[in-house]
């Protein structure tokens, strides 16, 4: 077997890299964050890479949430192929509302597992542990060819489960708080150390959007975050990796002039239009880390009882101020490449400055310390796509964030 032949994963080919191929997913990176920090002179390495490499915008998948997009990047395909269409769903087998972070929900092999099977060394570092098992599906840790760990649980990693014992000790950085910029900095620092000392063939670094949920582009805290990233980017670039920088989604303000969240409570509306609890509103943004978004995003899916007049419900929802799209399941599947058995009868998407909730009494907004910023809809679909090599790339919407590893590996054989 020629281990350096192109890798096939989910009907796409990926060249076996001659130099390390790295993708960096900057969680919640609205393009304005990079533009504003660069204009302030805080990202000289990124500015140089944009001048000498390739600078584009791409589209994320919809819903523009973390799990669907990270798994699209990891598989090179939309959710209709890999099956992960949110952080949260109604399990079709049980009817229960559950987190979609179990490997049993993944329907396609990752690019990482395909490279690992061919003999490549693979490194994955995530900020939050919720993604680790999904991204590491198919990897084994008995031959020192795979490392997959999170900042969040870096104190307790083991060789058997993550490919490395106590990653925080190995890196010389304490396990960060989950609600901190340091959670992402740990990812970048680990990427530099892995590239310098372990030399993976393929590496994926994916961060958290805590800063982006709480600080707008151009603000001091946001600029400091991207200045920090730029320092590590310079080190990664100097180590010879072919790098693609992209994001899982953008981020928009979702509050009024007083700073209060803008919310349409869809479950409350449906309870008024139908019998109490007859419909079920699912918010796929839901995850264990709700302090910075209160489980409020711009995308929801709705399960209706059989006797409901779907056309009437769609018309009523579409007439609400702040709602820009309401479509039945079949249209949502076609338009957004979604798996039909994991979404409801209706998909609804809100506008740039609006979110969708369930019932007012089910959202704890007291924990929001800053005016709400969130994502999930069409207005958060545009993301950066920057390569530290010159490539002939299409533009959005043809260019997708899940093209990242294809172009990273192409660049790594030039």
Protein backbone atom coordinates (compact mmCIF):
# COMPACT_ATOMS: atom_id res chain seq x y z
CA UNK A 1 0.00 0.00 0.00
CA UNK A 2 1.27 3.44 -0.92
CA UNK A 3 0.71 5.37 2.32
CA UNK A 4 1.33 8.66 0.52
CA UNK A 5 -1.42 8.17 -2.05
CA UNK A 6 -4.40 10.55 -1.77
CA UNK A 7 -6.85 9.77 1.03
CA UNK A 8 -10.52 9.19 0.17
CA UNK A 9 -13.02 10.37 2.76
CA UNK A 10 -16.75 10.71 2.11
CA UNK A 11 -16.34 10.84 -1.68
CA UNK A 12 -13.60 13.49 -1.60
CA UNK A 13 -9.87 13.12 -2.14
CA UNK A 14 -7.25 14.62 0.15
CA UNK A 15 -3.58 14.63 -0.88
CA UNK A 16 -1.25 13.05 1.66
CA UNK A 17 0.65 16.12 2.93
CA UNK A 18 4.38 16.50 2.44
CA UNK A 19 4.44 19.05 5.26
CA UNK A 20 2.01 19.37 8.19
CA UNK A 21 -1.51 20.38 7.13
CA UNK A 22 -3.26 22.37 9.85
CA UNK A 23 -6.76 23.80 10.07
CA UNK A 24 -7.66 26.35 12.73
CA UNK A 25 -11.35 26.84 13.51
CA UNK A 26 -11.83 30.16 15.31
CA UNK A 27 -15.15 29.62 17.04
CA UNK A 28 -17.58 32.48 16.46
CA UNK A 29 -15.14 34.46 14.34
CA UNK A 30 -17.30 37.04 12.64
CA UNK A 31 -14.99 38.38 9.88
CA UNK A 32 -15.09 41.85 11.45
CA UNK A 33 -13.04 40.57 14.42
CA UNK A 34 -10.05 39.96 12.14
CA UNK A 35 -10.62 43.12 10.11
CA UNK A 36 -10.81 45.37 13.17
CA UNK A 37 -7.88 43.80 15.03
CA UNK A 38 -5.74 43.94 11.89
CA UNK A 39 -6.67 47.57 11.26
CA UNK A 40 -5.57 48.33 14.82
CA UNK A 41 -2.12 46.89 14.01
CA UNK A 42 -2.59 43.95 16.37
CA UNK A 43 -2.36 41.09 13.85
CA UNK A 44 0.85 41.57 11.86
CA UNK A 45 1.24 37.85 11.15
CA UNK A 46 -2.28 37.54 9.79
CA UNK A 47 -1.82 40.71 7.74
CA UNK A 48 1.33 39.23 6.20
CA UNK A 49 -0.36 35.89 5.49
CA UNK A 50 -3.30 37.64 3.82
CA UNK A 51 -0.88 39.59 1.61
CA UNK A 52 1.28 36.63 0.64
CA UNK A 53 -1.28 33.83 0.76
CA UNK A 54 -5.00 33.60 -0.03
CA UNK A 55 -7.78 35.61 1.61
CA UNK A 56 -11.42 34.65 1.11
CA UNK A 57 -14.80 34.50 2.82
CA UNK A 58 -16.66 31.20 2.96
CA UNK A 59 -20.06 29.98 4.11
CA UNK A 60 -20.69 27.79 7.11
CA UNK A 61 -23.40 25.16 7.21
CA UNK A 62 -26.84 25.96 8.58
CA UNK A 63 -27.60 25.87 11.43
CA UNK A 64 -24.55 28.02 12.08
CA UNK A 65 -23.76 26.31 15.37
CA UNK A 66 -20.59 24.72 16.73
CA UNK A 67 -21.18 20.98 16.42
CA UNK A 68 -22.63 20.87 12.89
CA UNK A 69 -19.84 23.00 11.51
CA UNK A 70 -16.97 21.34 13.34
CA UNK A 71 -18.16 17.96 12.11
CA UNK A 72 -18.58 19.31 8.59
CA UNK A 73 -14.98 20.54 8.72
CA UNK A 74 -13.90 17.18 10.16
CA UNK A 75 -15.69 15.14 7.46
CA UNK A 76 -15.59 17.54 4.51
CA UNK A 77 -19.35 17.19 4.08
CA UNK A 78 -22.67 18.84 5.10
CA UNK A 79 -24.90 17.56 7.94
CA UNK A 80 -26.98 15.44 5.58
CA UNK A 81 -23.91 13.19 5.27
CA UNK A 82 -22.41 13.21 8.77
CA UNK A 83 -25.70 13.52 10.64
CA UNK A 84 -24.75 16.16 13.23
CA UNK A 85 -27.27 18.96 12.72
CA UNK A 86 -27.06 20.68 16.09
CA UNK A 87 -25.72 20.46 19.60
CA UNK A 88 -29.08 19.10 20.75
CA UNK A 89 -31.97 17.12 19.26
CA UNK A 90 -34.96 14.88 19.81
CA UNK A 91 -33.53 11.39 19.47
CA UNK A 92 -35.71 9.71 16.81
CA UNK A 93 -35.25 6.34 18.52
CA UNK A 94 -36.38 7.41 22.00
CA UNK A 95 -38.25 10.70 21.57
CA UNK A 96 -36.06 12.20 24.29
CA UNK A 97 -34.24 15.53 24.06
CA UNK A 98 -30.51 14.80 24.26
CA UNK A 99 -27.11 16.24 23.48
CA UNK A 100 -25.81 15.21 20.06
CA UNK A 101 -22.23 14.70 21.21
CA UNK A 102 -22.23 10.90 21.34
CA UNK A 103 -20.31 9.10 18.59
CA UNK A 104 -23.41 7.00 17.86
CA UNK A 105 -24.93 10.05 16.15
CA UNK A 106 -22.02 10.36 13.67
CA UNK A 107 -22.86 8.85 10.27
CA UNK A 108 -19.63 9.41 8.34
CA UNK A 109 -15.95 8.78 9.05
CA UNK A 110 -13.80 11.79 9.78
CA UNK A 111 -10.93 12.88 7.56
CA UNK A 112 -8.74 12.31 10.62
CA UNK A 113 -9.68 8.64 10.90
CA UNK A 114 -9.01 8.08 7.20
CA UNK A 115 -5.54 9.63 7.47
CA UNK A 116 -4.87 7.63 10.63
CA UNK A 117 -5.82 4.39 8.86
CA UNK A 118 -3.24 5.20 6.17
CA UNK A 119 -0.49 5.60 8.76
CA UNK A 120 -0.51 9.38 9.29
CA UNK A 121 0.03 11.11 12.62
CA UNK A 122 -3.07 13.05 13.64
CA UNK A 123 -3.44 15.75 16.31
CA UNK A 124 -6.74 17.29 17.43
CA UNK A 125 -7.03 19.87 20.19
CA UNK A 126 -10.43 21.27 21.15
CA UNK A 127 -11.32 23.92 23.69
CA UNK A 128 -14.49 22.29 25.03
CA UNK A 129 -14.64 18.59 25.69
CA UNK A 130 -18.09 18.24 24.08
CA UNK A 131 -16.46 17.87 20.65
CA UNK A 132 -13.59 15.59 21.55
CA UNK A 133 -15.24 12.19 21.19
CA UNK A 134 -16.90 13.09 17.88
CA UNK A 135 -13.71 14.51 16.36
CA UNK A 136 -11.66 11.59 17.64
CA UNK A 137 -14.01 8.88 16.34
CA UNK A 138 -12.03 6.07 14.70
CA UNK A 139 -8.68 7.03 16.21
CA UNK A 140 -6.66 4.66 18.39
CA UNK A 141 -4.06 5.72 20.91
CA UNK A 142 -1.82 2.66 21.19
CA UNK A 143 0.78 3.53 18.55
CA UNK A 144 1.63 7.18 19.33
CA UNK A 145 0.07 8.31 16.05
CA UNK A 146 -2.97 10.08 17.45
CA UNK A 147 -3.51 12.74 20.07
CA UNK A 148 -6.96 14.14 20.76
CA UNK A 149 -7.70 16.17 23.88
CA UNK A 150 -9.46 19.29 25.12
CA UNK A 151 -8.32 22.30 27.12
CA UNK A 152 -11.34 21.88 29.36
CA UNK A 153 -10.24 18.44 30.62
CA UNK A 154 -6.49 18.78 30.12
CA UNK A 155 -5.67 17.87 33.74
CA UNK A 156 -7.10 14.38 33.36
CA UNK A 157 -6.05 13.20 29.91
CA UNK A 158 -4.56 9.72 29.57
CA UNK A 159 -2.54 7.96 26.91
CA UNK A 160 -5.24 5.30 26.60
CA UNK A 161 -8.08 7.75 25.90
CA UNK A 162 -6.36 10.85 24.50
CA UNK A 163 -2.87 9.81 23.40
CA UNK A 164 -1.19 11.86 26.14
CA UNK A 165 -1.07 11.87 29.94
CA UNK A 166 -2.03 15.09 31.75
CA UNK A 167 -1.83 17.43 28.78
CA UNK A 168 -1.74 20.45 31.07
CA UNK A 169 1.50 19.23 32.66
CA UNK A 170 2.96 18.40 29.23
CA UNK A 171 2.19 21.92 28.02
CA UNK A 172 3.14 23.65 31.26
CA UNK A 173 -0.18 25.53 31.41
CA UNK A 174 -2.84 25.05 34.06
CA UNK A 175 -6.21 23.70 32.96
CA UNK A 176 -8.14 26.87 32.07
CA UNK A 177 -11.57 27.93 33.22
CA UNK A 178 -14.19 26.97 30.63
CA UNK A 179 -15.43 30.59 30.48
CA UNK A 180 -12.16 32.26 29.58
CA UNK A 181 -9.93 33.34 26.71
CA UNK A 182 -7.30 31.04 28.15
CA UNK A 183 -9.36 28.02 27.10
CA UNK A 184 -8.62 28.95 23.48
CA UNK A 185 -5.05 30.04 24.19
CA UNK A 186 -4.35 26.55 25.52
CA UNK A 187 -5.42 25.17 22.12
CA UNK A 188 -3.03 27.44 20.23
CA UNK A 189 -0.12 26.78 22.59
CA UNK A 190 -0.70 23.02 22.36
CA UNK A 191 -0.75 23.27 18.56
CA UNK A 192 2.64 24.99 18.52
CA UNK A 193 4.18 22.43 20.88
CA UNK A 194 2.71 19.49 18.94
CA UNK A 195 3.98 20.88 15.65
CA UNK A 196 7.42 21.58 17.03
CA UNK A 197 7.96 18.36 18.98
CA UNK A 198 5.58 15.71 17.65
CA UNK A 199 5.22 16.80 14.01
CA UNK A 200 1.75 15.55 13.06
CA UNK A 201 0.85 15.13 9.39
CA UNK A 202 -2.65 16.52 9.99
CA UNK A 203 -3.68 18.83 12.83
CA UNK A 204 -6.99 20.42 13.82
CA UNK A 205 -7.24 23.22 16.38
CA UNK A 206 -10.72 24.40 17.37
CA UNK A 207 -11.48 27.05 19.97
CA UNK A 208 -14.38 28.41 22.05
CA UNK A 209 -16.49 31.50 21.36
CA UNK A 210 -16.78 32.81 24.93
CA UNK A 211 -15.06 36.07 23.98
CA UNK A 212 -17.12 36.49 20.81
CA UNK A 213 -20.40 35.96 22.69
CA UNK A 214 -19.49 38.69 25.16
CA UNK A 215 -17.38 41.25 23.26
CA UNK A 216 -18.01 42.91 19.89
CA UNK A 217 -15.40 43.28 17.12
CA UNK A 218 -12.93 46.07 17.76
CA UNK A 219 -13.46 46.21 21.51
CA UNK A 220 -10.37 46.01 23.74
CA UNK A 221 -11.06 42.49 25.00
CA UNK A 222 -11.80 41.14 21.51
CA UNK A 223 -8.73 42.82 20.06
CA UNK A 224 -6.55 41.41 22.85
CA UNK A 225 -7.86 37.90 22.05
CA UNK A 226 -6.96 38.18 18.36
CA UNK A 227 -3.58 39.74 19.14
CA UNK A 228 -2.90 36.68 21.31
CA UNK A 229 -3.97 34.38 18.48
CA UNK A 230 -1.74 36.24 16.04
CA UNK A 231 1.36 35.54 18.14
CA UNK A 232 0.70 31.79 18.02
CA UNK A 233 -0.21 31.98 14.34
CA UNK A 234 3.22 33.45 13.65
CA UNK A 235 4.85 30.49 15.41
CA UNK A 236 2.73 27.92 13.56
CA UNK A 237 3.52 29.56 10.24
CA UNK A 238 7.24 29.69 11.01
CA UNK A 239 7.22 25.95 11.73
CA UNK A 240 6.31 25.27 8.09
CA UNK A 241 2.71 24.10 8.37
CA UNK A 242 0.23 24.69 5.57
CA UNK A 243 -2.51 26.50 7.45
CA UNK A 244 -6.16 27.21 6.73
CA UNK A 245 -7.89 29.60 9.13
CA UNK A 246 -11.68 29.46 9.15
CA UNK A 247 -14.61 29.51 11.60
CA UNK A 248 -17.66 27.47 12.48
CA UNK A 249 -19.95 30.51 12.40
CA UNK A 250 -20.08 34.26 12.79
CA UNK A 251 -21.61 36.25 15.63
CA UNK A 252 -24.13 39.11 15.76
CA UNK A 253 -25.62 41.36 18.46
CA UNK A 254 -29.01 40.06 19.58
CA UNK A 255 -30.13 42.77 21.99
CA UNK A 256 -32.06 46.03 22.09
CA UNK A 257 -30.68 49.51 22.76
CA UNK A 258 -30.99 48.96 26.52
CA UNK A 259 -28.96 45.74 26.24
CA UNK A 260 -31.87 43.37 26.87
CA UNK A 261 -32.00 40.19 24.72
CA UNK A 262 -34.27 40.25 21.69
CA UNK A 263 -36.24 37.01 21.87
CA UNK A 264 -39.28 35.42 20.26
CA UNK A 265 -40.51 32.69 22.59
CA UNK A 266 -41.81 30.22 20.04
CA UNK A 267 -43.00 27.57 22.51
CA UNK A 268 -45.16 30.11 24.29
CA UNK A 269 -46.70 31.18 20.98
CA UNK A 270 -47.39 27.62 19.87
CA UNK A 271 -48.89 26.76 23.27
CA UNK A 272 -51.31 29.61 22.67
CA UNK A 273 -52.14 28.59 19.12
CA UNK A 274 -52.41 24.86 19.87
CA UNK A 275 -52.94 22.84 23.03
CA UNK A 276 -50.34 23.31 25.76
CA UNK A 277 -47.29 21.19 24.90
CA UNK A 278 -48.79 19.87 21.67
CA UNK A 279 -45.86 21.27 19.70
CA UNK A 280 -42.21 20.96 20.72
CA UNK A 281 -39.64 23.64 19.96
CA UNK A 282 -36.05 22.42 19.88
CA UNK A 283 -33.15 24.88 20.06
CA UNK A 284 -30.07 23.10 18.68
CA UNK A 285 -27.77 25.74 20.23
CA UNK A 286 -28.50 24.16 23.62
CA UNK A 287 -25.43 22.75 25.35
CA UNK A 288 -24.03 22.65 28.90
CA UNK A 289 -22.32 26.04 28.45
CA UNK A 290 -25.26 28.47 28.50
CA UNK A 291 -23.74 31.24 30.62
CA UNK A 292 -22.74 33.26 27.57
CA UNK A 293 -25.81 32.68 25.35
CA UNK A 294 -28.68 31.51 27.55
CA UNK A 295 -29.55 28.83 24.93
CA UNK A 296 -30.74 31.63 22.63
CA UNK A 297 -29.77 31.48 18.96
CA UNK A 298 -31.23 32.28 15.56
CA UNK A 299 -32.37 28.79 14.52
CA UNK A 300 -35.08 26.50 15.82
CA UNK A 301 -36.86 23.38 14.65
CA UNK A 302 -40.45 22.61 15.58
CA UNK A 303 -42.25 19.29 15.95
CA UNK A 304 -46.01 19.56 15.36
CA UNK A 305 -48.84 17.15 16.19
CA UNK A 306 -50.25 15.27 13.22
CA UNK A 307 -53.51 17.20 13.28
CA UNK A 308 -51.87 20.64 13.18
CA UNK A 309 -52.34 22.83 10.11
CA UNK A 310 -48.68 23.15 9.10
CA UNK A 311 -49.28 25.78 6.43
CA UNK A 312 -51.16 27.97 8.91
CA UNK A 313 -48.44 27.64 11.57
CA UNK A 314 -45.76 28.46 9.00
CA UNK A 315 -47.69 31.57 7.91
CA UNK A 316 -48.15 32.75 11.50
CA UNK A 317 -44.49 32.27 12.37
CA UNK A 318 -43.29 33.91 9.14
CA UNK A 319 -45.41 37.00 9.91
CA UNK A 320 -43.54 37.68 13.18
CA UNK A 321 -41.23 40.68 13.25
CA UNK A 322 -37.65 39.43 13.40
CA UNK A 323 -38.25 36.12 11.62
CA UNK A 324 -36.72 35.93 8.14
CA UNK A 325 -37.38 32.32 7.13
CA UNK A 326 -39.88 29.60 8.05
CA UNK A 327 -39.90 26.46 5.88
CA UNK A 328 -41.25 22.91 6.08
CA UNK A 329 -38.93 19.98 6.66
CA UNK A 330 -38.49 18.96 3.02
CA UNK A 331 -37.45 22.44 1.97
CA UNK A 332 -35.07 22.77 4.92
CA UNK A 333 -33.48 19.44 4.00
CA UNK A 334 -33.00 20.54 0.41
CA UNK A 335 -31.86 24.09 1.08
CA UNK A 336 -29.51 23.37 3.98
CA UNK A 337 -28.44 19.74 3.41
CA UNK A 338 -29.96 18.54 6.68
CA UNK A 339 -30.83 14.98 7.78
CA UNK A 340 -34.61 14.75 7.77
CA UNK A 341 -34.92 12.34 10.68
CA UNK A 342 -33.15 14.74 13.03
CA UNK A 343 -35.14 17.91 12.44
CA UNK A 344 -38.77 18.74 13.11
CA UNK A 345 -41.65 19.52 10.81
CA UNK A 346 -40.65 23.18 10.52
CA UNK A 347 -37.36 25.09 10.56
CA UNK A 348 -37.41 28.78 11.51
CA UNK A 349 -34.59 31.31 11.35
CA UNK A 350 -34.50 34.77 12.90
CA UNK A 351 -32.93 38.00 11.67
CA UNK A 352 -29.54 39.47 12.48
CA UNK A 353 -30.61 41.04 15.78
CA UNK A 354 -33.21 38.53 16.96
CA UNK A 355 -33.12 35.14 18.70
CA UNK A 356 -35.61 32.32 19.16
CA UNK A 357 -36.42 30.85 22.56
CA UNK A 358 -38.74 28.15 23.85
CA UNK A 359 -40.73 29.49 26.83
CA UNK A 360 -39.74 32.60 28.76
CA UNK A 361 -39.59 30.64 32.03
CA UNK A 362 -37.17 28.06 30.58
CA UNK A 363 -34.31 30.47 29.85
CA UNK A 364 -32.09 31.66 32.69
CA UNK A 365 -30.94 35.03 31.41
CA UNK A 366 -29.69 36.23 34.78
CA UNK A 367 -26.32 34.64 33.99
CA UNK A 368 -25.79 36.91 30.96
CA UNK A 369 -23.21 39.44 32.09
CA UNK A 370 -23.02 41.28 28.76
CA UNK A 371 -25.61 42.23 26.10
CA UNK A 372 -26.46 39.08 24.17
CA UNK A 373 -24.47 38.14 21.09
CA UNK A 374 -25.31 34.88 19.37
CA UNK A 375 -25.57 32.90 16.12
CA UNK A 376 -27.30 30.05 14.32
CA UNK A 377 -28.94 31.73 11.35
CA UNK A 378 -28.19 32.95 7.87
CA UNK A 379 -26.71 36.25 9.04
CA UNK A 380 -23.95 34.35 10.85
CA UNK A 381 -23.07 32.12 7.90
CA UNK A 382 -20.19 34.19 6.49
CA UNK A 383 -16.80 33.18 7.92
CA UNK A 384 -13.11 33.79 7.14
CA UNK A 385 -11.17 31.40 4.93
CA UNK A 386 -7.48 32.32 4.90
CA UNK A 387 -4.59 30.15 3.66
CA UNK A 388 -0.89 30.80 4.20
CA UNK A 389 -0.20 29.62 0.65
CA UNK A 390 -1.29 30.96 -2.73
CA UNK A 391 -4.22 28.90 -4.01
CA UNK A 392 -6.83 29.47 -6.69
CA UNK A 393 -9.97 29.33 -4.55
CA UNK A 394 -13.62 30.04 -5.33
CA UNK A 395 -15.60 32.60 -3.39
CA UNK A 396 -18.60 32.16 -1.08
CA UNK A 397 -21.13 30.60 -1.37
CA UNK A 398 -19.24 28.04 -3.46
CA UNK A 399 -16.39 28.07 -0.93
CA UNK A 400 -17.46 26.36 2.30
CA UNK A 401 -15.72 26.17 5.64
CA UNK A 402 -15.77 22.38 5.29
CA UNK A 403 -13.42 22.67 2.30
CA UNK A 404 -10.68 23.55 4.81
CA UNK A 405 -8.84 20.22 4.96
CA UNK A 406 -9.04 19.73 1.23
CA UNK A 407 -7.21 23.00 0.64
CA UNK A 408 -4.86 22.56 3.61
CA UNK A 409 -3.70 19.22 2.21
CA UNK A 410 -3.51 20.62 -1.34
CA UNK A 411 -1.31 23.43 -0.04
CA UNK A 412 0.84 20.91 1.84
CA UNK A 413 1.92 19.17 -1.38
CA UNK A 414 2.86 22.31 -3.29
